Amino acid sequence: MIRSMTGFGRGEYIDEKRSVICEIKSVNHRFCEITVKLPRRYQFAEEKIKALVKESVQRGKIEVSFLCDELTMDDQKIRLNTDAAKNYYDSLMTLKKEIPGLSGEVDLKLISSMPEVLKVVPQAEDEDEIYKALLSALDAALERYDSMRAVEGAKLAEDILFRGKLIEDTVSEVETRAPQLQAEYAKKIRERISELLEGTVEIPEDRIMLEAAVFADKANITEEIVRLKSHCAQLRTILKGKEPAGKKLDFLVQEMNRESNTIGSKANDITITDKVLILKAEIEKIREQVQNLE
């Protein structure tokens, strides 16, 4: 299936202990680059998440981020730092003696509010539960992300097919025009010689036809036309396939552009040159669209 490299997806998981929100977004990139943003306590799951995302994405710069909230205190405990509390108490009592007149009592409320005296810390994580929560949110986000990329990819494929048809039609026009070149070139030679000699010498027809044949051989674009038609057929086949097509199409577009350039340089005809400009414009538009495909 043709997919765009750009997309966004959001998934959520919630149970009695925690809420997990996963967001996936991506932009164009030559390779597959995945970045995972997790709370520090959940970073043990990073590599597994990357592996799962890579099963669905072949190319692009992908950022996967998780927002996790604990809904209960079941996974947390209060840690009391008795040494810190004693140090605070001793320091405050010393301060009170050193500076007479200070008001206020050094009591439990004051000491417990000091930094590091009481601290909420997470208990040992149940990794299976964490994986379940993270991956459930990830699966939901991936489903929406892939759906968005598929919709965008279908639009891009439709546009590329439309331009591929324009290229085929233009190539057919070039193919119709090409056989006329030899006769027109022979006519031009005959007219120029007559103009120069002013009819005083009979023009050797066999020599004119030889020159026209040499020109026709140099200007022969049959191979290029056949290859361009073949490339257009390949374009349709690739776009209708199920595999990621971005890299294949990128190479194919380069080949189409090369054939168009060769036709323009060999034909030496203003009509064909105009058609080549149309070809190159449409091929460039396809190239721009291909840059967005996975």
C-alpha atoms as a PDB file:
ATOM      1  CA  MET A   1       0.000   0.000   0.000  1.00  0.00           C
ATOM      2  CA  ILE A   2       1.246   3.474  -0.878  1.00  0.00           C
ATOM      3  CA  ARG A   3       1.726   5.577   2.253  1.00  0.00           C
ATOM      4  CA  SER A   4       2.904   9.085   2.896  1.00  0.00           C
ATOM      5  CA  MET A   5       5.950   9.594   5.117  1.00  0.00           C
ATOM      6  CA  THR A   6       4.178  12.384   7.009  1.00  0.00           C
ATOM      7  CA  GLY A   7       1.486  11.578   9.527  1.00  0.00           C
ATOM      8  CA  PHE A   8       0.177  11.829  13.071  1.00  0.00           C
ATOM      9  CA  GLY A   9      -1.512   9.397  15.424  1.00  0.00           C
ATOM     10  CA  ARG A  10      -2.651   9.482  19.056  1.00  0.00           C
ATOM     11  CA  GLY A  11      -3.538   6.587  21.342  1.00  0.00           C
ATOM     12  CA  GLU A  12      -4.549   6.332  24.982  1.00  0.00           C
ATOM     13  CA  TYR A  13      -4.575   3.623  27.637  1.00  0.00           C
ATOM     14  CA  ILE A  14      -6.086   3.993  31.087  1.00  0.00           C
ATOM     15  CA  ASP A  15      -6.641   1.613  34.004  1.00  0.00           C
ATOM     16  CA  GLU A  16      -7.119   1.973  37.732  1.00  0.00           C
ATOM     17  CA  LYS A  17      -3.439   2.794  38.289  1.00  0.00           C
ATOM     18  CA  ARG A  18      -2.219   4.923  35.406  1.00  0.00           C
ATOM     19  CA  SER A  19      -3.037   6.882  32.281  1.00  0.00           C
ATOM     20  CA  VAL A  20      -0.781   6.668  29.218  1.00  0.00           C
ATOM     21  CA  ILE A  21      -1.044   8.851  26.111  1.00  0.00           C
ATOM     22  CA  CYS A  22       1.100   8.050  23.072  1.00  0.00           C
ATOM     23  CA  GLU A  23       1.594  10.416  20.138  1.00  0.00           C
ATOM     24  CA  ILE A  24       3.385   9.570  16.885  1.00  0.00           C
ATOM     25  CA  LYS A  25       4.366  12.127  14.272  1.00  0.00           C
ATOM     26  CA  SER A  26       6.694  11.890  11.302  1.00  0.00           C
ATOM     27  CA  VAL A  27       8.249  13.935   8.510  1.00  0.00           C
ATOM     28  CA  ASN A  28      10.155  13.080   5.335  1.00  0.00           C
ATOM     29  CA  HIS A  29      13.579  11.468   5.630  1.00  0.00           C
ATOM     30  CA  ARG A  30      15.796   9.376   3.364  1.00  0.00           C
ATOM     31  CA  PHE A  31      16.093   6.622   5.963  1.00  0.00           C
ATOM     32  CA  CYS A  32      14.146   5.315   8.956  1.00  0.00           C
ATOM     33  CA  GLU A  33      15.019   7.344  12.055  1.00  0.00           C
ATOM     34  CA  ILE A  34      12.956   6.671  15.196  1.00  0.00           C
ATOM     35  CA  THR A  35      13.120   8.725  18.387  1.00  0.00           C
ATOM     36  CA  VAL A  36      11.249   7.633  21.531  1.00  0.00           C
ATOM     37  CA  LYS A  37      10.515  10.030  24.395  1.00  0.00           C
ATOM     38  CA  LEU A  38       9.636   8.243  27.627  1.00  0.00           C
ATOM     39  CA  PRO A  39       9.529   9.148  31.316  1.00  0.00           C
ATOM     40  CA  ARG A  40      12.876   8.261  32.811  1.00  0.00           C
ATOM     41  CA  ARG A  41      11.459   5.430  34.911  1.00  0.00           C
ATOM     42  CA  TYR A  42      10.026   3.749  31.800  1.00  0.00           C
ATOM     43  CA  GLN A  43      13.086   3.921  29.566  1.00  0.00           C
ATOM     44  CA  PHE A  44      13.614   0.166  29.835  1.00  0.00           C
ATOM     45  CA  ALA A  45      10.851  -0.145  27.201  1.00  0.00           C
ATOM     46  CA  GLU A  46      12.513   2.106  24.605  1.00  0.00           C
ATOM     47  CA  GLU A  47      14.112  -0.532  22.381  1.00  0.00           C
ATOM     48  CA  LYS A  48      10.999  -2.704  22.286  1.00  0.00           C
ATOM     49  CA  ILE A  49       8.909   0.311  21.271  1.00  0.00           C
ATOM     50  CA  LYS A  50      11.379   1.182  18.500  1.00  0.00           C
ATOM     51  CA  ALA A  51      11.237  -2.391  17.190  1.00  0.00           C
ATOM     52  CA  LEU A  52       7.423  -2.339  17.075  1.00  0.00           C
ATOM     53  CA  VAL A  53       7.327   1.001  15.262  1.00  0.00           C
ATOM     54  CA  LYS A  54       9.897  -0.227  12.743  1.00  0.00           C
ATOM     55  CA  GLU A  55       7.581  -3.110  11.820  1.00  0.00           C
ATOM     56  CA  SER A  56       5.055  -0.552  10.557  1.00  0.00           C
ATOM     57  CA  VAL A  57       7.336   2.157   9.148  1.00  0.00           C
ATOM     58  CA  GLN A  58       9.993   1.751   6.465  1.00  0.00           C
ATOM     59  CA  ARG A  59      11.152   5.322   5.951  1.00  0.00           C
ATOM     60  CA  GLY A  60      10.819   8.739   7.590  1.00  0.00           C
ATOM     61  CA  LYS A  61      11.847  10.657  10.691  1.00  0.00           C
ATOM     62  CA  ILE A  62       9.469   9.398  13.384  1.00  0.00           C
ATOM     63  CA  GLU A  63       9.014  10.774  16.881  1.00  0.00           C
ATOM     64  CA  VAL A  64       7.124   8.682  19.446  1.00  0.00           C
ATOM     65  CA  SER A  65       6.327  10.398  22.747  1.00  0.00           C
ATOM     66  CA  PHE A  66       4.552   9.165  25.884  1.00  0.00           C
ATOM     67  CA  LEU A  67       2.765  11.153  28.590  1.00  0.00           C
ATOM     68  CA  CYS A  68       2.254   9.030  31.706  1.00  0.00           C
ATOM     69  CA  ASP A  69       0.257   9.947  34.832  1.00  0.00           C
ATOM     70  CA  GLU A  70      -0.076   7.876  37.989  1.00  0.00           C
ATOM     71  CA  LEU A  71      -3.675   7.813  39.224  1.00  0.00           C
ATOM     72  CA  THR A  72      -2.978   6.226  42.632  1.00  0.00           C
ATOM     73  CA  MET A  73      -0.162   6.066  45.165  1.00  0.00           C
ATOM     74  CA  ASP A  74       0.047   2.261  44.958  1.00  0.00           C
ATOM     75  CA  ASP A  75       3.330   2.339  43.103  1.00  0.00           C
ATOM     76  CA  GLN A  76       4.888   4.987  45.343  1.00  0.00           C
ATOM     77  CA  LYS A  77       6.195   5.243  48.890  1.00  0.00           C
ATOM     78  CA  ILE A  78       7.328   7.998  51.213  1.00  0.00           C
ATOM     79  CA  ARG A  79      11.020   8.010  52.034  1.00  0.00           C
ATOM     80  CA  LEU A  80      12.098   9.704  55.267  1.00  0.00           C
ATOM     81  CA  ASN A  81      15.611  11.119  55.377  1.00  0.00           C
ATOM     82  CA  THR A  82      16.261  11.230  59.123  1.00  0.00           C
ATOM     83  CA  ASP A  83      19.833  12.482  58.766  1.00  0.00           C
ATOM     84  CA  ALA A  84      18.688  15.437  56.675  1.00  0.00           C
ATOM     85  CA  ALA A  85      15.963  16.231  59.238  1.00  0.00           C
ATOM     86  CA  LYS A  86      18.465  16.227  62.108  1.00  0.00           C
ATOM     87  CA  ASN A  87      20.882  18.431  60.206  1.00  0.00           C
ATOM     88  CA  TYR A  88      18.121  20.931  59.459  1.00  0.00           C
ATOM     89  CA  TYR A  89      17.040  20.929  63.117  1.00  0.00           C
ATOM     90  CA  ASP A  90      20.565  21.412  64.447  1.00  0.00           C
ATOM     91  CA  SER A  91      21.313  24.166  61.937  1.00  0.00           C
ATOM     92  CA  LEU A  92      18.097  26.025  62.701  1.00  0.00           C
ATOM     93  CA  MET A  93      18.622  25.795  66.473  1.00  0.00           C
ATOM     94  CA  THR A  94      22.189  27.098  66.055  1.00  0.00           C
ATOM     95  CA  LEU A  95      20.874  29.966  63.933  1.00  0.00           C
ATOM     96  CA  LYS A  96      18.334  30.826  66.611  1.00  0.00           C
ATOM     97  CA  LYS A  97      21.074  30.996  69.272  1.00  0.00           C
ATOM     98  CA  GLU A  98      23.451  33.008  67.070  1.00  0.00           C
ATOM     99  CA  ILE A  99      20.851  35.624  66.167  1.00  0.00           C
ATOM    100  CA  PRO A 100      18.829  36.628  69.243  1.00  0.00           C
ATOM    101  CA  GLY A 101      15.366  37.888  68.586  1.00  0.00           C
ATOM    102  CA  LEU A 102      14.453  35.482  65.811  1.00  0.00           C
ATOM    103  CA  SER A 103      10.845  34.426  66.231  1.00  0.00           C
ATOM    104  CA  GLY A 104       9.231  31.134  65.351  1.00  0.00           C
ATOM    105  CA  GLU A 105       9.456  27.560  66.553  1.00  0.00           C
ATOM    106  CA  VAL A 106      11.554  24.810  65.042  1.00  0.00           C
ATOM    107  CA  ASP A 107       8.790  22.213  64.947  1.00  0.00           C
ATOM    108  CA  LEU A 108       7.723  19.127  62.975  1.00  0.00           C
ATOM    109  CA  LYS A 109       5.823  21.112  60.372  1.00  0.00           C
ATOM    110  CA  LEU A 110       8.859  23.245  59.559  1.00  0.00           C
ATOM    111  CA  ILE A 111      11.353  20.385  59.449  1.00  0.00           C
ATOM    112  CA  SER A 112       9.119  18.124  57.326  1.00  0.00           C
ATOM    113  CA  SER A 113       8.737  20.879  54.718  1.00  0.00           C
ATOM    114  CA  MET A 114      12.480  21.084  54.138  1.00  0.00           C
ATOM    115  CA  PRO A 115      13.868  19.643  50.853  1.00  0.00           C
ATOM    116  CA  GLU A 116      14.781  15.959  50.860  1.00  0.00           C
ATOM    117  CA  VAL A 117      13.332  15.265  54.312  1.00  0.00           C
ATOM    118  CA  LEU A 118      10.196  13.626  52.964  1.00  0.00           C
ATOM    119  CA  LYS A 119      10.299  12.411  49.371  1.00  0.00           C
ATOM    120  CA  VAL A 120       7.863  10.438  47.252  1.00  0.00           C
ATOM    121  CA  VAL A 121       9.746   7.716  45.349  1.00  0.00           C
ATOM    122  CA  PRO A 122       8.448   5.010  43.014  1.00  0.00           C
ATOM    123  CA  GLN A 123       8.570   1.427  44.162  1.00  0.00           C
ATOM    124  CA  ALA A 124       9.956  -1.317  41.959  1.00  0.00           C
ATOM    125  CA  GLU A 125       8.010  -1.369  38.693  1.00  0.00           C
ATOM    126  CA  ASP A 126       6.039  -4.324  37.418  1.00  0.00           C
ATOM    127  CA  GLU A 127       7.551  -4.280  33.933  1.00  0.00           C
ATOM    128  CA  ASP A 128       4.834  -6.483  32.453  1.00  0.00           C
ATOM    129  CA  GLU A 129       2.152  -4.026  33.552  1.00  0.00           C
ATOM    130  CA  ILE A 130       4.132  -1.093  32.210  1.00  0.00           C
ATOM    131  CA  TYR A 131       4.678  -2.810  28.859  1.00  0.00           C
ATOM    132  CA  LYS A 132       0.976  -3.560  28.628  1.00  0.00           C
ATOM    133  CA  ALA A 133       0.055   0.078  29.243  1.00  0.00           C
ATOM    134  CA  LEU A 134       2.678   1.544  26.913  1.00  0.00           C
ATOM    135  CA  LEU A 135       2.094  -0.901  24.069  1.00  0.00           C
ATOM    136  CA  SER A 136      -1.690  -0.586  24.227  1.00  0.00           C
ATOM    137  CA  ALA A 137      -1.387   3.181  23.799  1.00  0.00           C
ATOM    138  CA  LEU A 138       1.244   2.655  21.087  1.00  0.00           C
ATOM    139  CA  ASP A 139      -0.954   0.222  19.115  1.00  0.00           C
ATOM    140  CA  ALA A 140      -3.852   2.676  19.116  1.00  0.00           C
ATOM    141  CA  ALA A 141      -1.570   5.516  18.009  1.00  0.00           C
ATOM    142  CA  LEU A 142       0.004   3.391  15.242  1.00  0.00           C
ATOM    143  CA  GLU A 143      -3.417   2.429  13.895  1.00  0.00           C
ATOM    144  CA  ARG A 144      -4.472   6.074  13.540  1.00  0.00           C
ATOM    145  CA  TYR A 145      -1.023   7.058  12.258  1.00  0.00           C
ATOM    146  CA  ASP A 146      -1.048   4.399   9.523  1.00  0.00           C
ATOM    147  CA  SER A 147      -4.612   5.300   8.580  1.00  0.00           C
ATOM    148  CA  MET A 148      -3.664   8.944   8.093  1.00  0.00           C
ATOM    149  CA  ARG A 149      -0.583   8.025   6.056  1.00  0.00           C
ATOM    150  CA  ALA A 150      -2.636   5.677   3.860  1.00  0.00           C
ATOM    151  CA  VAL A 151      -5.201   8.393   3.088  1.00  0.00           C
ATOM    152  CA  GLU A 152      -2.469  10.887   2.224  1.00  0.00           C
ATOM    153  CA  GLY A 153      -0.591   8.245   0.220  1.00  0.00           C
ATOM    154  CA  ALA A 154      -3.707   7.477  -1.851  1.00  0.00           C
ATOM    155  CA  LYS A 155      -4.039  11.165  -2.757  1.00  0.00           C
ATOM    156  CA  LEU A 156      -0.373  11.344  -3.771  1.00  0.00           C
ATOM    157  CA  ALA A 157      -0.667   8.157  -5.848  1.00  0.00           C
ATOM    158  CA  GLU A 158      -3.724   9.544  -7.621  1.00  0.00           C
ATOM    159  CA  ASP A 159      -1.866  12.707  -8.545  1.00  0.00           C
ATOM    160  CA  ILE A 160       1.207  10.785  -9.726  1.00  0.00           C
ATOM    161  CA  LEU A 161      -0.934   8.497 -11.905  1.00  0.00           C
ATOM    162  CA  PHE A 162      -2.626  11.532 -13.427  1.00  0.00           C
ATOM    163  CA  ARG A 163       0.728  13.069 -14.320  1.00  0.00           C
ATOM    164  CA  GLY A 164       2.002   9.730 -15.591  1.00  0.00           C
ATOM    165  CA  LYS A 165      -0.933   9.672 -18.037  1.00  0.00           C
ATOM    166  CA  LEU A 166      -0.041  13.201 -19.204  1.00  0.00           C
ATOM    167  CA  ILE A 167       3.528  12.025 -19.815  1.00  0.00           C
ATOM    168  CA  GLU A 168       2.318   9.015 -21.822  1.00  0.00           C
ATOM    169  CA  ASP A 169       0.074  11.216 -23.971  1.00  0.00           C
ATOM    170  CA  THR A 170       2.921  13.652 -24.607  1.00  0.00           C
ATOM    171  CA  VAL A 171       5.291  10.807 -25.529  1.00  0.00           C
ATOM    172  CA  SER A 172       2.694   9.576 -28.042  1.00  0.00           C
ATOM    173  CA  GLU A 173       2.647  13.046 -29.589  1.00  0.00           C
ATOM    174  CA  VAL A 174       6.453  12.985 -29.839  1.00  0.00           C
ATOM    175  CA  GLU A 175       6.260   9.518 -31.411  1.00  0.00           C
ATOM    176  CA  THR A 176       3.835  10.815 -34.039  1.00  0.00           C
ATOM    177  CA  ARG A 177       6.030  13.791 -34.816  1.00  0.00           C
ATOM    178  CA  ALA A 178       9.399  11.948 -35.033  1.00  0.00           C
ATOM    179  CA  PRO A 179       8.911  10.200 -38.459  1.00  0.00           C
ATOM    180  CA  GLN A 180       8.224  13.565 -40.120  1.00  0.00           C
ATOM    181  CA  LEU A 181      11.679  14.925 -39.297  1.00  0.00           C
ATOM    182  CA  GLN A 182      13.602  13.201 -42.117  1.00  0.00           C
ATOM    183  CA  ALA A 183      11.248  14.452 -44.860  1.00  0.00           C
ATOM    184  CA  GLU A 184      11.232  17.984 -43.429  1.00  0.00           C
ATOM    185  CA  TYR A 185      15.020  18.035 -43.157  1.00  0.00           C
ATOM    186  CA  ALA A 186      15.372  16.888 -46.804  1.00  0.00           C
ATOM    187  CA  LYS A 187      12.976  19.648 -47.857  1.00  0.00           C
ATOM    188  CA  LYS A 188      14.987  22.269 -45.962  1.00  0.00           C
ATOM    189  CA  ILE A 189      18.252  21.101 -47.564  1.00  0.00           C
ATOM    190  CA  ARG A 190      16.682  21.223 -51.017  1.00  0.00           C
ATOM    191  CA  GLU A 191      15.311  24.737 -50.434  1.00  0.00           C
ATOM    192  CA  ARG A 192      18.616  26.068 -49.088  1.00  0.00           C
ATOM    193  CA  ILE A 193      20.642  24.656 -52.001  1.00  0.00           C
ATOM    194  CA  SER A 194      18.162  26.066 -54.517  1.00  0.00           C
ATOM    195  CA  GLU A 195      18.358  29.429 -52.845  1.00  0.00           C
ATOM    196  CA  LEU A 196      22.153  29.444 -52.889  1.00  0.00           C
ATOM    197  CA  LEU A 197      22.571  28.173 -56.461  1.00  0.00           C
ATOM    198  CA  GLU A 198      19.563  30.076 -57.787  1.00  0.00           C
ATOM    199  CA  GLY A 199      18.568  27.116 -59.957  1.00  0.00           C
ATOM    200  CA  THR A 200      21.768  27.155 -62.060  1.00  0.00           C
ATOM    201  CA  VAL A 201      22.709  23.581 -61.126  1.00  0.00           C
ATOM    202  CA  GLU A 202      20.486  20.547 -60.848  1.00  0.00           C
ATOM    203  CA  ILE A 203      20.260  19.314 -57.259  1.00  0.00           C
ATOM    204  CA  PRO A 204      21.446  15.700 -56.803  1.00  0.00           C
ATOM    205  CA  GLU A 205      18.434  14.075 -55.141  1.00  0.00           C
ATOM    206  CA  ASP A 206      20.362  11.018 -53.943  1.00  0.00           C
ATOM    207  CA  ARG A 207      22.822  13.263 -52.102  1.00  0.00           C
ATOM    208  CA  ILE A 208      19.999  15.149 -50.425  1.00  0.00           C
ATOM    209  CA  MET A 209      18.364  11.910 -49.316  1.00  0.00           C
ATOM    210  CA  LEU A 210      21.696  10.652 -47.976  1.00  0.00           C
ATOM    211  CA  GLU A 211      22.125  13.786 -45.872  1.00  0.00           C
ATOM    212  CA  ALA A 212      18.541  13.461 -44.654  1.00  0.00           C
ATOM    213  CA  ALA A 213      19.136   9.815 -43.732  1.00  0.00           C
ATOM    214  CA  VAL A 214      22.267  10.712 -41.743  1.00  0.00           C
ATOM    215  CA  PHE A 215      20.316  13.381 -39.906  1.00  0.00           C
ATOM    216  CA  ALA A 216      17.450  10.974 -39.224  1.00  0.00           C
ATOM    217  CA  ASP A 217      19.870   8.423 -37.784  1.00  0.00           C
ATOM    218  CA  LYS A 218      21.411  10.994 -35.413  1.00  0.00           C
ATOM    219  CA  ALA A 219      17.969  12.261 -34.423  1.00  0.00           C
ATOM    220  CA  ASN A 220      16.454   8.813 -33.946  1.00  0.00           C
ATOM    221  CA  ILE A 221      14.623   8.772 -30.609  1.00  0.00           C
ATOM    222  CA  THR A 222      12.806   5.455 -30.968  1.00  0.00           C
ATOM    223  CA  GLU A 223      14.711   3.792 -28.119  1.00  0.00           C
ATOM    224  CA  GLU A 224      14.082   6.704 -25.780  1.00  0.00           C
ATOM    225  CA  ILE A 225      10.367   6.711 -26.603  1.00  0.00           C
ATOM    226  CA  VAL A 226      10.106   2.955 -25.968  1.00  0.00           C
ATOM    227  CA  ARG A 227      11.915   3.276 -22.642  1.00  0.00           C
ATOM    228  CA  LEU A 228       9.771   6.216 -21.525  1.00  0.00           C
ATOM    229  CA  LYS A 229       6.612   4.249 -22.300  1.00  0.00           C
ATOM    230  CA  SER A 230       8.026   1.318 -20.338  1.00  0.00           C
ATOM    231  CA  HIS A 231       8.807   3.602 -17.385  1.00  0.00           C
ATOM    232  CA  CYS A 232       5.222   4.899 -17.399  1.00  0.00           C
ATOM    233  CA  ALA A 233       3.939   1.320 -17.289  1.00  0.00           C
ATOM    234  CA  GLN A 234       6.305   0.557 -14.389  1.00  0.00           C
ATOM    235  CA  LEU A 235       5.030   3.668 -12.617  1.00  0.00           C
ATOM    236  CA  ARG A 236       1.482   2.312 -12.644  1.00  0.00           C
ATOM    237  CA  THR A 237       2.601  -1.152 -11.544  1.00  0.00           C
ATOM    238  CA  ILE A 238       4.602   0.157  -8.587  1.00  0.00           C
ATOM    239  CA  LEU A 239       1.810   2.451  -7.415  1.00  0.00           C
ATOM    240  CA  LYS A 240      -0.669  -0.444  -7.456  1.00  0.00           C
ATOM    241  CA  GLY A 241       1.674  -2.721  -5.490  1.00  0.00           C
ATOM    242  CA  LYS A 242       1.607  -3.427  -1.769  1.00  0.00           C
ATOM    243  CA  GLU A 243       5.251  -2.700  -0.989  1.00  0.00           C
ATOM    244  CA  PRO A 244       6.699   0.712   0.023  1.00  0.00           C
ATOM    245  CA  ALA A 245       7.368   2.490  -3.255  1.00  0.00           C
ATOM    246  CA  GLY A 246       9.247   5.704  -2.454  1.00  0.00           C
ATOM    247  CA  LYS A 247      12.790   4.565  -3.263  1.00  0.00           C
ATOM    248  CA  LYS A 248      11.767   2.651  -6.398  1.00  0.00           C
ATOM    249  CA  LEU A 249       9.817   5.607  -7.727  1.00  0.00           C
ATOM    250  CA  ASP A 250      12.657   7.977  -6.945  1.00  0.00           C
ATOM    251  CA  PHE A 251      15.001   5.907  -9.130  1.00  0.00           C
ATOM    252  CA  LEU A 252      12.363   5.516 -11.854  1.00  0.00           C
ATOM    253  CA  VAL A 253      11.777   9.273 -12.033  1.00  0.00           C
ATOM    254  CA  GLN A 254      15.518   9.829 -12.511  1.00  0.00           C
ATOM    255  CA  GLU A 255      15.448   7.434 -15.472  1.00  0.00           C
ATOM    256  CA  MET A 256      12.402   9.171 -16.970  1.00  0.00           C
ATOM    257  CA  ASN A 257      14.149  12.515 -16.704  1.00  0.00           C
ATOM    258  CA  ARG A 258      17.271  11.112 -18.385  1.00  0.00           C
ATOM    259  CA  GLU A 259      15.274   9.799 -21.342  1.00  0.00           C
ATOM    260  CA  SER A 260      13.484  13.144 -21.732  1.00  0.00           C
ATOM    261  CA  ASN A 261      16.796  14.997 -21.801  1.00  0.00           C
ATOM    262  CA  THR A 262      18.139  12.638 -24.467  1.00  0.00           C
ATOM    263  CA  ILE A 263      15.062  13.136 -26.638  1.00  0.00           C
ATOM    264  CA  GLY A 264      15.440  16.898 -26.381  1.00  0.00           C
ATOM    265  CA  SER A 265      19.137  16.834 -27.293  1.00  0.00           C
ATOM    266  CA  LYS A 266      18.757  14.409 -30.237  1.00  0.00           C
ATOM    267  CA  ALA A 267      15.564  15.534 -31.926  1.00  0.00           C
ATOM    268  CA  ASN A 268      16.686  19.038 -32.990  1.00  0.00           C
ATOM    269  CA  ASP A 269      13.079  20.029 -33.629  1.00  0.00           C
ATOM    270  CA  ILE A 270      11.194  22.937 -32.052  1.00  0.00           C
ATOM    271  CA  THR A 271       7.921  21.000 -31.810  1.00  0.00           C
ATOM    272  CA  ILE A 272       9.553  18.085 -29.995  1.00  0.00           C
ATOM    273  CA  THR A 273      11.517  20.514 -27.814  1.00  0.00           C
ATOM    274  CA  ASP A 274       8.211  22.030 -26.666  1.00  0.00           C
ATOM    275  CA  LYS A 275       6.919  18.549 -25.831  1.00  0.00           C
ATOM    276  CA  VAL A 276      10.111  17.758 -23.918  1.00  0.00           C
ATOM    277  CA  LEU A 277       9.571  20.854 -21.770  1.00  0.00           C
ATOM    278  CA  ILE A 278       6.115  19.524 -20.904  1.00  0.00           C
ATOM    279  CA  LEU A 279       7.608  16.109 -20.102  1.00  0.00           C
ATOM    280  CA  LYS A 280      10.264  17.576 -17.828  1.00  0.00           C
ATOM    281  CA  ALA A 281       7.730  19.757 -16.004  1.00  0.00           C
ATOM    282  CA  GLU A 282       5.450  16.792 -15.262  1.00  0.00           C
ATOM    283  CA  ILE A 283       8.360  14.536 -14.291  1.00  0.00           C
ATOM    284  CA  GLU A 284       9.570  17.194 -11.847  1.00  0.00           C
ATOM    285  CA  LYS A 285       6.103  17.385 -10.277  1.00  0.00           C
ATOM    286  CA  ILE A 286       6.125  13.611  -9.875  1.00  0.00           C
ATOM    287  CA  ARG A 287       9.597  13.776  -8.330  1.00  0.00           C
ATOM    288  CA  GLU A 288       8.347  16.287  -5.746  1.00  0.00           C
ATOM    289  CA  GLN A 289       5.419  14.052  -4.849  1.00  0.00           C
ATOM    290  CA  VAL A 290       7.610  10.955  -4.642  1.00  0.00           C
ATOM    291  CA  GLN A 291       9.728  12.659  -1.960  1.00  0.00           C
ATOM    292  CA  ASN A 292       6.674  12.393   0.324  1.00  0.00           C
ATOM    293  CA  LEU A 293       6.158   8.657  -0.160  1.00  0.00           C
ATOM    294  CA  GLU A 294       7.418   5.946   2.155  1.00  0.00           C
END
